[in-house]
N, C-alpha and C. Protein backbone atom coordinates (compact mmCIF):
# COMPACT_ATOMS: atom_id res chain seq x y z
N MET A 1 103.20 115.47 107.78
CA MET A 1 103.31 114.31 108.29
C MET A 1 103.07 114.32 109.75
N ASP A 2 102.26 113.36 110.43
CA ASP A 2 101.97 113.37 111.90
C ASP A 2 103.08 112.87 112.52
N GLN A 3 103.13 112.89 113.91
CA GLN A 3 104.10 112.34 114.83
C GLN A 3 104.27 110.89 114.88
N LYS A 4 103.38 110.13 114.38
CA LYS A 4 103.17 108.62 114.42
C LYS A 4 103.91 108.18 113.05
N ARG A 5 103.84 109.08 111.96
CA ARG A 5 104.48 108.64 110.86
C ARG A 5 105.92 109.14 111.02
N ILE A 6 106.20 110.13 111.60
CA ILE A 6 107.62 110.69 111.86
C ILE A 6 108.31 109.58 112.78
N GLY A 7 107.55 109.31 113.68
CA GLY A 7 108.20 108.27 114.74
C GLY A 7 108.68 106.86 113.82
N SER A 8 107.71 106.53 112.95
CA SER A 8 108.07 105.04 112.38
C SER A 8 109.16 105.30 111.25
N PHE A 9 109.29 106.54 110.71
CA PHE A 9 110.36 106.88 110.06
C PHE A 9 111.66 106.95 110.77
N LEU A 10 111.76 107.46 112.02
CA LEU A 10 112.90 107.48 112.77
C LEU A 10 113.34 106.20 113.12
N ARG A 11 112.41 105.18 113.44
CA ARG A 11 112.52 103.88 113.88
C ARG A 11 113.27 103.11 112.57
N GLU A 12 112.62 103.40 111.40
CA GLU A 12 112.97 102.71 110.18
C GLU A 12 114.61 103.13 110.01
N LEU A 13 114.91 104.44 110.07
CA LEU A 13 116.27 105.00 109.99
C LEU A 13 117.21 104.12 110.90
N ARG A 14 116.72 104.25 111.99
CA ARG A 14 117.88 103.64 113.17
C ARG A 14 118.15 102.17 112.72
N THR A 15 116.98 101.59 112.67
CA THR A 15 117.24 100.01 112.45
C THR A 15 117.89 99.65 111.13
N GLU A 16 117.90 100.44 110.18
CA GLU A 16 118.76 100.14 108.83
C GLU A 16 120.18 100.58 109.11
N LYS A 17 120.56 101.36 110.24
CA LYS A 17 121.88 101.51 110.61
C LYS A 17 122.35 100.30 111.47
N GLY A 18 121.30 99.54 111.96
CA GLY A 18 121.69 98.52 113.03
C GLY A 18 121.84 99.01 114.35
N LEU A 19 121.18 99.81 114.65
CA LEU A 19 121.54 100.59 116.00
C LEU A 19 120.40 100.37 116.88
N THR A 20 120.53 100.16 118.28
CA THR A 20 119.63 100.04 119.14
C THR A 20 119.21 101.56 119.61
N GLN A 21 118.01 101.41 120.34
CA GLN A 21 117.58 102.99 120.76
C GLN A 21 118.69 103.46 121.73
N GLU A 22 119.24 102.68 122.52
CA GLU A 22 120.37 103.08 123.55
C GLU A 22 121.47 103.66 122.91
N GLN A 23 121.92 102.88 121.75
CA GLN A 23 123.14 103.18 120.95
C GLN A 23 122.72 104.69 120.27
N LEU A 24 121.70 104.86 119.80
CA LEU A 24 121.38 106.16 118.99
C LEU A 24 121.25 107.36 120.20
N ALA A 25 120.67 107.27 121.36
CA ALA A 25 120.72 107.92 122.34
C ALA A 25 121.84 108.37 122.86
N GLU A 26 122.90 107.47 123.05
CA GLU A 26 124.37 107.78 123.36
C GLU A 26 124.87 108.88 122.20
N LYS A 27 124.67 108.55 121.03
CA LYS A 27 125.38 109.40 120.18
C LYS A 27 124.58 110.77 120.17
N LEU A 28 123.30 110.99 120.48
CA LEU A 28 122.63 112.14 120.64
C LEU A 28 122.70 112.80 121.79
N ASN A 29 123.32 112.06 123.00
CA ASN A 29 123.32 112.60 124.27
C ASN A 29 121.79 112.89 125.02
N VAL A 30 121.06 111.84 124.57
CA VAL A 30 119.60 111.93 125.29
C VAL A 30 119.36 110.48 125.72
N SER A 31 118.42 110.42 126.54
CA SER A 31 117.97 108.89 126.96
C SER A 31 117.47 108.04 125.97
N GLY A 32 117.59 106.84 126.32
CA GLY A 32 116.75 105.79 125.45
C GLY A 32 115.57 105.92 125.64
N ARG A 33 114.80 106.41 126.59
CA ARG A 33 113.53 106.62 126.90
C ARG A 33 112.95 107.68 125.90
N THR A 34 113.95 108.76 125.68
CA THR A 34 113.55 109.70 124.82
C THR A 34 113.52 109.34 123.32
N VAL A 35 114.49 108.67 122.79
CA VAL A 35 114.55 107.98 121.51
C VAL A 35 113.23 107.15 121.55
N SER A 36 112.78 106.40 122.38
CA SER A 36 111.53 105.64 122.28
C SER A 36 110.28 106.39 122.16
N ARG A 37 110.29 107.47 122.87
CA ARG A 37 109.08 108.43 122.93
C ARG A 37 108.91 108.98 121.39
N TRP A 38 110.08 109.36 120.94
CA TRP A 38 110.10 109.86 119.40
C TRP A 38 109.58 108.79 118.53
N GLU A 39 110.18 107.55 118.76
CA GLU A 39 109.52 106.57 117.77
C GLU A 39 108.10 106.07 117.87
N ASN A 40 107.63 106.12 118.93
CA ASN A 40 106.42 105.93 119.37
C ASN A 40 105.41 107.03 118.89
N GLY A 41 105.87 108.09 118.60
CA GLY A 41 105.08 109.27 118.22
C GLY A 41 104.42 110.18 119.41
N ASN A 42 104.98 109.79 120.66
CA ASN A 42 104.59 110.66 121.94
C ASN A 42 105.15 112.08 122.11
N ASN A 43 106.43 111.94 121.71
CA ASN A 43 107.21 113.35 121.61
C ASN A 43 107.90 113.56 120.25
N MET A 44 108.26 114.70 119.84
CA MET A 44 108.98 114.97 118.79
C MET A 44 110.35 115.55 119.22
N PRO A 45 111.37 115.37 118.46
CA PRO A 45 112.73 115.87 118.68
C PRO A 45 112.71 117.43 118.61
N ASP A 46 113.86 117.90 119.46
CA ASP A 46 113.77 119.51 119.50
C ASP A 46 114.36 119.76 117.85
N LEU A 47 114.26 120.98 117.55
CA LEU A 47 114.91 121.43 116.20
C LEU A 47 116.42 120.96 116.07
N SER A 48 117.19 121.38 117.15
CA SER A 48 118.58 120.98 117.05
C SER A 48 118.70 119.59 117.10
N ILE A 49 117.97 118.62 117.74
CA ILE A 49 118.31 117.16 117.37
C ILE A 49 117.67 116.92 116.01
N ILE A 50 116.81 117.50 115.60
CA ILE A 50 116.26 117.07 114.10
C ILE A 50 117.43 117.25 113.34
N VAL A 51 118.25 118.21 113.28
CA VAL A 51 119.44 118.66 112.54
C VAL A 51 120.43 117.64 112.88
N GLU A 52 120.69 117.26 113.93
CA GLU A 52 121.62 116.31 114.28
C GLU A 52 121.39 114.96 113.66
N LEU A 53 119.91 114.48 113.63
CA LEU A 53 119.57 113.33 113.19
C LEU A 53 119.55 113.45 111.47
N ALA A 54 119.24 114.47 111.04
CA ALA A 54 119.48 114.69 109.46
C ALA A 54 120.99 114.28 109.16
N ASP A 55 121.98 115.09 109.93
CA ASP A 55 123.33 114.98 109.58
C ASP A 55 123.63 113.45 109.79
N PHE A 56 123.32 112.80 110.90
CA PHE A 56 123.94 111.37 111.25
C PHE A 56 123.18 110.46 110.23
N TYR A 57 121.94 110.68 109.82
CA TYR A 57 121.60 109.83 108.78
C TYR A 57 121.67 110.24 107.22
N ASP A 58 122.44 111.39 107.07
CA ASP A 58 122.72 112.09 105.92
C ASP A 58 121.51 111.87 104.88
N ILE A 59 120.40 112.82 105.50
CA ILE A 59 119.35 113.06 104.92
C ILE A 59 119.13 114.47 104.82
N ASP A 60 118.40 115.08 103.83
CA ASP A 60 118.35 116.34 103.64
C ASP A 60 116.86 116.83 104.50
N ILE A 61 116.64 117.86 105.18
CA ILE A 61 115.38 118.14 105.78
C ILE A 61 114.85 119.64 105.12
N ARG A 62 115.60 120.02 104.13
CA ARG A 62 114.88 121.36 103.53
C ARG A 62 113.97 121.05 102.67
C-alpha cells in the first residue's frame, strides 16, 4: 500500500469517527499539521503512532 492510499484510509477512519484533524492530533499528542501530512500522503506516522491509531480505531494491523 502506498503513502497516498494509506493517507486516504487514515482520513476515512477519522471522518467516520466524526473527528477533525485537530481533535485527532490532540488525542495522539501531535500537531494538526502532522495529521494533515499523513492524510495527504506526505509523511507516514511513526510505528508507535501506528499502534496508537490501530488501538484508537479498533483495527488489527497484524
